[in-house]
Amino acid sequence: MLAVLGSVTALGLGTSLAKQLFPVVGALGTTALRVGFSALLLLLVWRPWRWALAPADRMSLLRYGVALGLMNLLFYMSLRTIPFGVAVAIEFSGPLAVALYASRKPVDFVWLALAIAGLGLLLPLGDPVQALDVTGVLYALAAAAFWAAYIVFGKRVGHLHAGHAVALGLSVAAMTVLPFGIWHAGAALLEPHTLLMGLVAAAVSSAIPISLEMVALKRLPQGVFGIMTSMEPAVAAVLGWVLLHEQLLPAQWLAIVCIMGAAVGSAATARGATSPAVAECASVGGQSAVTTGEGD
């Protein structure tokens, strides 16, 4: 359990660190650095060229990687104008939708209602003083959609070794987002301090969480793992408050609790199916991208 907590915390720390690059290279440049260095690190660790790749798997990996890259890109774009914890909570609606769509148990309507209630509290409706930035919310919702797509495409490469799929998928993701980062930030991406910050952010938010999650997946039942990774929105909100000085309104904290409750409930009541958090522990916003190979 400590491994899961360490993984979720490392993800949040890495994203908080990456957000500090926004004034230098923007959200697009930050995404390029974070995903690019994550891909390089995982290529070095897993050396995926050691495994043969069937032609049928290449297109699946292409879709998987593009979805991962766009998920990261849109998530970081949302962080420009809405708090970290709120963005994570909204993005969680993607895997929740996949899990609830695949289930037919009556109790899942309870988790669906909780998720809808949470999102309703976060959407820019009602009091204009408390409303979140519309653009930021839309980016987070788009990231949620690509997280859902990433899970669906990830199932199609679930028969591959996890390290093989993740390393190649992140490589495709890097090639997807790098043009945006280069277009936006240009030569600023090559500043030594910026490169170092990007490398550290990638290591903290990818290499460390992936290692810890692999340890956890070997020792914990999938349901327990799914419940524990559902803490991610709360951890992100706390880290955003401590490290980024992001203040959340009571309604936003309540929304995060509702969405976490939906994720926990979905994981706890899943039978023979992987919970949304287990199906893809990708990191938020890129999330560590460990795929178990199980279906939803």
Protein backbone atom coordinates (compact mmCIF):
# COMPACT_ATOMS: atom_id res chain seq x y z
CA MET A 1 0.00 0.00 0.00
CA LEU A 2 2.90 2.33 0.68
CA ALA A 3 4.06 1.71 -2.89
CA VAL A 4 0.71 2.92 -4.28
CA LEU A 5 0.73 5.98 -2.03
CA GLY A 6 4.31 6.72 -3.10
CA SER A 7 3.34 6.35 -6.76
CA VAL A 8 0.35 8.70 -6.51
CA THR A 9 2.42 11.23 -4.56
CA ALA A 10 5.28 11.07 -7.07
CA LEU A 11 2.84 11.69 -9.91
CA GLY A 12 1.55 14.78 -8.16
CA LEU A 13 5.03 16.03 -7.32
CA GLY A 14 6.19 15.56 -10.91
CA THR A 15 3.21 17.45 -12.30
CA SER A 16 3.62 20.24 -9.74
CA LEU A 17 7.27 20.54 -10.72
CA ALA A 18 6.41 20.52 -14.42
CA LYS A 19 3.86 23.30 -13.95
CA GLN A 20 6.67 25.56 -12.76
CA LEU A 21 8.02 25.42 -16.32
CA PHE A 22 4.88 27.10 -17.70
CA PRO A 23 6.31 30.65 -17.45
CA VAL A 24 9.40 29.54 -19.39
CA VAL A 25 8.12 27.25 -22.16
CA GLY A 26 4.34 27.24 -21.70
CA ALA A 27 2.06 24.26 -21.32
CA LEU A 28 2.92 22.93 -24.79
CA GLY A 29 6.67 23.10 -24.21
CA THR A 30 6.27 21.54 -20.77
CA THR A 31 4.31 18.64 -22.24
CA ALA A 32 6.99 18.08 -24.88
CA LEU A 33 9.76 17.99 -22.27
CA ARG A 34 7.88 15.82 -19.82
CA VAL A 35 6.65 13.24 -22.34
CA GLY A 36 9.86 13.32 -24.37
CA PHE A 37 12.13 12.64 -21.41
CA SER A 38 9.69 10.04 -20.04
CA ALA A 39 9.89 8.19 -23.34
CA LEU A 40 13.71 8.31 -23.36
CA LEU A 41 13.90 7.03 -19.79
CA LEU A 42 11.54 4.14 -20.47
CA LEU A 43 13.32 3.24 -23.70
CA LEU A 44 16.56 2.98 -21.74
CA VAL A 45 14.94 0.92 -18.99
CA TRP A 46 12.87 -1.49 -21.10
CA ARG A 47 14.77 -1.56 -24.42
CA PRO A 48 11.63 -2.57 -26.36
CA TRP A 49 13.60 -3.43 -29.48
CA ARG A 50 14.40 -6.74 -27.75
CA TRP A 51 10.84 -7.96 -28.45
CA ALA A 52 9.36 -8.68 -31.84
CA LEU A 53 6.32 -6.65 -32.79
CA ALA A 54 3.61 -8.17 -34.98
CA PRO A 55 2.34 -5.97 -37.82
CA ALA A 56 -1.17 -6.08 -36.36
CA ASP A 57 0.12 -4.53 -33.12
CA ARG A 58 1.76 -1.54 -34.77
CA MET A 59 -1.47 0.29 -35.56
CA SER A 60 -2.80 -0.50 -32.08
CA LEU A 61 0.34 0.96 -30.50
CA LEU A 62 0.06 4.00 -32.75
CA ARG A 63 -3.49 4.73 -31.56
CA TYR A 64 -2.49 3.97 -27.97
CA GLY A 65 0.47 6.36 -28.10
CA VAL A 66 -1.39 9.18 -29.87
CA ALA A 67 -4.18 8.99 -27.28
CA LEU A 68 -1.58 9.11 -24.48
CA GLY A 69 0.18 12.10 -26.04
CA LEU A 70 -3.00 14.10 -26.57
CA MET A 71 -4.22 13.23 -23.08
CA ASN A 72 -1.03 14.73 -21.63
CA LEU A 73 -1.14 17.75 -23.91
CA LEU A 74 -4.75 18.62 -23.10
CA PHE A 75 -4.27 18.00 -19.39
CA TYR A 76 -1.35 20.42 -19.20
CA MET A 77 -3.32 22.95 -21.21
CA SER A 78 -6.08 22.73 -18.61
CA LEU A 79 -3.57 23.42 -15.81
CA ARG A 80 -2.97 26.90 -17.19
CA THR A 81 -6.28 28.15 -15.85
CA ILE A 82 -7.78 25.64 -13.39
CA PRO A 83 -6.29 24.12 -10.21
CA PHE A 84 -4.34 20.86 -10.35
CA GLY A 85 -6.70 18.88 -8.11
CA VAL A 86 -9.76 20.04 -10.03
CA ALA A 87 -8.19 19.13 -13.37
CA VAL A 88 -7.37 15.63 -12.10
CA ALA A 89 -10.90 15.17 -10.77
CA ILE A 90 -12.44 16.18 -14.10
CA GLU A 91 -10.01 13.97 -16.02
CA PHE A 92 -11.00 10.99 -13.85
CA SER A 93 -14.40 11.07 -15.55
CA GLY A 94 -12.78 9.41 -18.57
CA PRO A 95 -11.77 6.11 -16.95
CA LEU A 96 -14.89 6.19 -14.81
CA ALA A 97 -17.04 6.40 -17.93
CA VAL A 98 -15.25 3.40 -19.44
CA ALA A 99 -15.67 1.31 -16.29
CA LEU A 100 -19.32 2.23 -15.78
CA TYR A 101 -20.17 1.71 -19.45
CA ALA A 102 -18.73 -1.81 -19.29
CA SER A 103 -20.70 -2.72 -16.17
CA ARG A 104 -24.36 -3.58 -15.89
CA LYS A 105 -24.72 -3.86 -12.09
CA PRO A 106 -27.49 -1.73 -10.53
CA VAL A 107 -25.11 -0.37 -7.88
CA ASP A 108 -23.10 1.30 -10.62
CA PHE A 109 -25.92 3.81 -11.05
CA VAL A 110 -24.97 5.07 -7.60
CA TRP A 111 -21.37 5.65 -8.69
CA LEU A 112 -22.60 7.26 -11.90
CA ALA A 113 -24.80 9.64 -9.93
CA LEU A 114 -21.87 10.52 -7.64
CA ALA A 115 -19.63 11.22 -10.62
CA ILE A 116 -22.27 13.38 -12.30
CA ALA A 117 -22.84 15.29 -9.05
CA GLY A 118 -19.11 15.91 -8.73
CA LEU A 119 -18.77 17.10 -12.29
CA GLY A 120 -21.86 19.27 -11.88
CA LEU A 121 -20.15 21.07 -9.01
CA LEU A 122 -17.06 21.69 -11.14
CA LEU A 123 -18.59 22.74 -14.43
CA PRO A 124 -18.69 26.51 -15.05
CA LEU A 125 -22.38 26.93 -14.23
CA GLY A 126 -24.26 29.04 -11.74
CA ASP A 127 -22.43 31.64 -9.66
CA PRO A 128 -19.98 33.41 -12.00
CA VAL A 129 -17.75 34.31 -9.05
CA GLN A 130 -17.18 30.65 -8.19
CA ALA A 131 -17.22 29.32 -11.74
CA LEU A 132 -14.07 27.76 -13.14
CA ASP A 133 -12.48 28.97 -16.36
CA VAL A 134 -14.53 27.52 -19.22
CA THR A 135 -11.53 26.90 -21.46
CA GLY A 136 -9.65 25.07 -18.72
CA VAL A 137 -12.63 22.85 -17.97
CA LEU A 138 -13.07 22.02 -21.66
CA TYR A 139 -9.40 21.07 -21.94
CA ALA A 140 -9.75 18.81 -18.88
CA LEU A 141 -12.88 17.17 -20.32
CA ALA A 142 -11.07 16.60 -23.63
CA ALA A 143 -8.17 15.05 -21.68
CA ALA A 144 -10.72 12.77 -19.97
CA ALA A 145 -12.01 11.66 -23.36
CA PHE A 146 -8.50 10.78 -24.51
CA TRP A 147 -7.82 8.98 -21.21
CA ALA A 148 -10.87 6.84 -21.97
CA ALA A 149 -9.58 6.26 -25.51
CA TYR A 150 -6.17 5.36 -24.09
CA ILE A 151 -7.76 2.67 -21.92
CA VAL A 152 -9.72 1.23 -24.84
CA PHE A 153 -6.66 1.19 -27.10
CA GLY A 154 -4.52 -0.11 -24.25
CA LYS A 155 -6.68 -3.22 -24.04
CA ARG A 156 -5.67 -4.03 -27.61
CA VAL A 157 -2.00 -4.14 -26.67
CA GLY A 158 -2.61 -5.80 -23.31
CA HIS A 159 -1.09 -9.05 -24.54
CA LEU A 160 2.29 -7.35 -24.91
CA HIS A 161 4.77 -7.09 -22.06
CA ALA A 162 3.84 -3.99 -20.01
CA GLY A 163 7.28 -2.42 -20.39
CA HIS A 164 7.25 -3.07 -24.13
CA ALA A 165 3.86 -1.44 -24.64
CA VAL A 166 4.49 1.52 -22.35
CA ALA A 167 7.92 2.35 -23.78
CA LEU A 168 6.70 2.24 -27.37
CA GLY A 169 3.44 3.99 -26.52
CA LEU A 170 5.26 6.84 -24.81
CA SER A 171 7.62 7.10 -27.77
CA VAL A 172 4.63 7.62 -30.07
CA ALA A 173 3.19 10.06 -27.54
CA ALA A 174 6.45 12.03 -27.57
CA MET A 175 6.43 12.25 -31.36
CA THR A 176 2.81 13.43 -31.16
CA VAL A 177 3.44 16.30 -28.73
CA LEU A 178 6.98 17.38 -29.66
CA PRO A 179 5.91 19.39 -32.72
CA PHE A 180 3.52 21.44 -30.56
CA GLY A 181 6.24 22.12 -28.00
CA ILE A 182 8.81 23.10 -30.60
CA TRP A 183 6.30 25.33 -32.39
CA HIS A 184 5.39 27.13 -29.17
CA ALA A 185 8.66 27.31 -27.23
CA GLY A 186 11.33 26.91 -29.89
CA ALA A 187 14.93 27.26 -28.70
CA ALA A 188 13.79 27.88 -25.10
CA LEU A 189 13.37 24.10 -24.80
CA LEU A 190 17.14 23.70 -25.12
CA GLU A 191 18.10 25.93 -22.20
CA PRO A 192 20.18 23.78 -19.78
CA HIS A 193 18.09 24.66 -16.72
CA THR A 194 14.86 23.97 -18.60
CA LEU A 195 16.14 20.62 -19.83
CA LEU A 196 17.19 19.65 -16.32
CA MET A 197 13.80 20.60 -14.88
CA GLY A 198 12.07 18.63 -17.63
CA LEU A 199 14.23 15.59 -16.96
CA VAL A 200 13.56 15.69 -13.22
CA ALA A 201 9.83 16.14 -13.77
CA ALA A 202 9.79 13.17 -16.17
CA ALA A 203 11.72 10.95 -13.77
CA VAL A 204 9.55 11.84 -10.78
CA SER A 205 6.26 11.50 -12.66
CA SER A 206 7.12 8.44 -14.78
CA ALA A 207 10.07 6.29 -13.77
CA ILE A 208 9.37 6.34 -10.03
CA PRO A 209 5.58 5.78 -10.20
CA ILE A 210 5.92 3.00 -12.76
CA SER A 211 8.44 1.15 -10.59
CA LEU A 212 6.27 1.53 -7.49
CA GLU A 213 3.09 0.49 -9.28
CA MET A 214 4.68 -2.64 -10.64
CA VAL A 215 5.69 -3.55 -7.10
CA ALA A 216 2.16 -2.84 -5.86
CA LEU A 217 0.42 -4.79 -8.63
CA LYS A 218 2.40 -7.90 -7.66
CA ARG A 219 1.31 -7.67 -4.03
CA LEU A 220 -2.19 -6.16 -3.98
CA PRO A 221 -5.51 -7.45 -5.34
CA GLN A 222 -6.68 -5.37 -8.28
CA GLY A 223 -9.69 -4.07 -6.38
CA VAL A 224 -7.53 -2.77 -3.53
CA PHE A 225 -5.10 -1.25 -6.01
CA GLY A 226 -7.95 0.50 -7.80
CA ILE A 227 -9.38 1.88 -4.56
CA MET A 228 -6.01 3.25 -3.45
CA THR A 229 -5.21 4.91 -6.77
CA SER A 230 -8.58 6.65 -6.54
CA MET A 231 -6.89 8.92 -3.99
CA GLU A 232 -5.18 10.71 -6.86
CA PRO A 233 -7.53 13.73 -7.11
CA ALA A 234 -7.24 14.41 -3.37
CA VAL A 235 -3.46 14.06 -3.41
CA ALA A 236 -3.29 16.39 -6.41
CA ALA A 237 -5.49 18.94 -4.65
CA VAL A 238 -3.34 18.88 -1.51
CA LEU A 239 -0.09 19.14 -3.49
CA GLY A 240 -1.57 21.96 -5.55
CA TRP A 241 -2.41 23.78 -2.33
CA VAL A 242 0.98 23.18 -0.69
CA LEU A 243 3.33 23.54 -3.67
CA LEU A 244 1.41 25.74 -6.10
CA HIS A 245 -0.62 27.78 -3.60
CA GLU A 246 -3.89 26.86 -5.30
CA GLN A 247 -6.89 27.53 -3.07
CA LEU A 248 -10.04 25.47 -3.66
CA LEU A 249 -13.56 26.46 -2.72
CA PRO A 250 -15.62 24.16 -0.43
CA ALA A 251 -17.81 23.17 -3.39
CA GLN A 252 -14.72 22.12 -5.34
CA TRP A 253 -13.46 19.98 -2.45
CA LEU A 254 -16.92 18.39 -2.27
CA ALA A 255 -16.80 17.70 -6.01
CA ILE A 256 -13.42 15.98 -5.63
CA VAL A 257 -14.82 13.84 -2.80
CA CYS A 258 -17.81 12.85 -4.97
CA ILE A 259 -15.64 11.82 -7.91
CA MET A 260 -13.26 9.93 -5.62
CA GLY A 261 -16.26 8.18 -4.07
CA ALA A 262 -17.44 7.14 -7.51
CA ALA A 263 -13.99 5.79 -8.38
CA VAL A 264 -13.65 3.94 -5.07
CA GLY A 265 -17.14 2.48 -5.37
CA SER A 266 -16.57 1.37 -8.95
CA ALA A 267 -13.30 -0.33 -7.97
CA ALA A 268 -14.76 -1.94 -4.85
CA THR A 269 -17.78 -3.44 -6.61
CA ALA A 270 -16.02 -4.52 -9.80
CA ARG A 271 -16.20 -8.26 -10.46
CA GLY A 272 -13.99 -9.84 -13.06
CA ALA A 273 -13.20 -6.44 -14.47
CA THR A 274 -10.45 -4.00 -13.91
CA SER A 275 -11.28 -0.81 -12.12
CA PRO A 276 -10.70 2.44 -14.00
CA ALA A 277 -7.58 3.17 -12.04
CA VAL A 278 -6.19 -0.32 -12.55
CA ALA A 279 -7.04 -0.53 -16.24
CA GLU A 280 -4.76 2.40 -16.73
CA CYS A 281 -2.60 3.92 -14.06
CA ALA A 282 -1.47 6.40 -16.56
CA SER A 283 -0.50 9.35 -15.11
CA VAL A 284 -2.66 11.68 -14.61
CA GLY A 285 -1.80 13.79 -17.18
CA GLY A 286 0.36 11.04 -18.15
CA GLN A 287 0.12 9.46 -15.31
CA SER A 288 2.52 6.73 -15.04
CA ALA A 289 1.07 4.73 -17.87
CA VAL A 290 1.26 1.24 -16.43
CA THR A 291 -1.11 -1.06 -18.27
CA THR A 292 -2.08 -4.32 -16.64
CA GLY A 293 -3.42 -5.95 -19.74
CA GLU A 294 -6.80 -6.64 -18.15
CA GLY A 295 -10.08 -5.63 -19.68
CA ASP A 296 -12.56 -3.14 -18.25
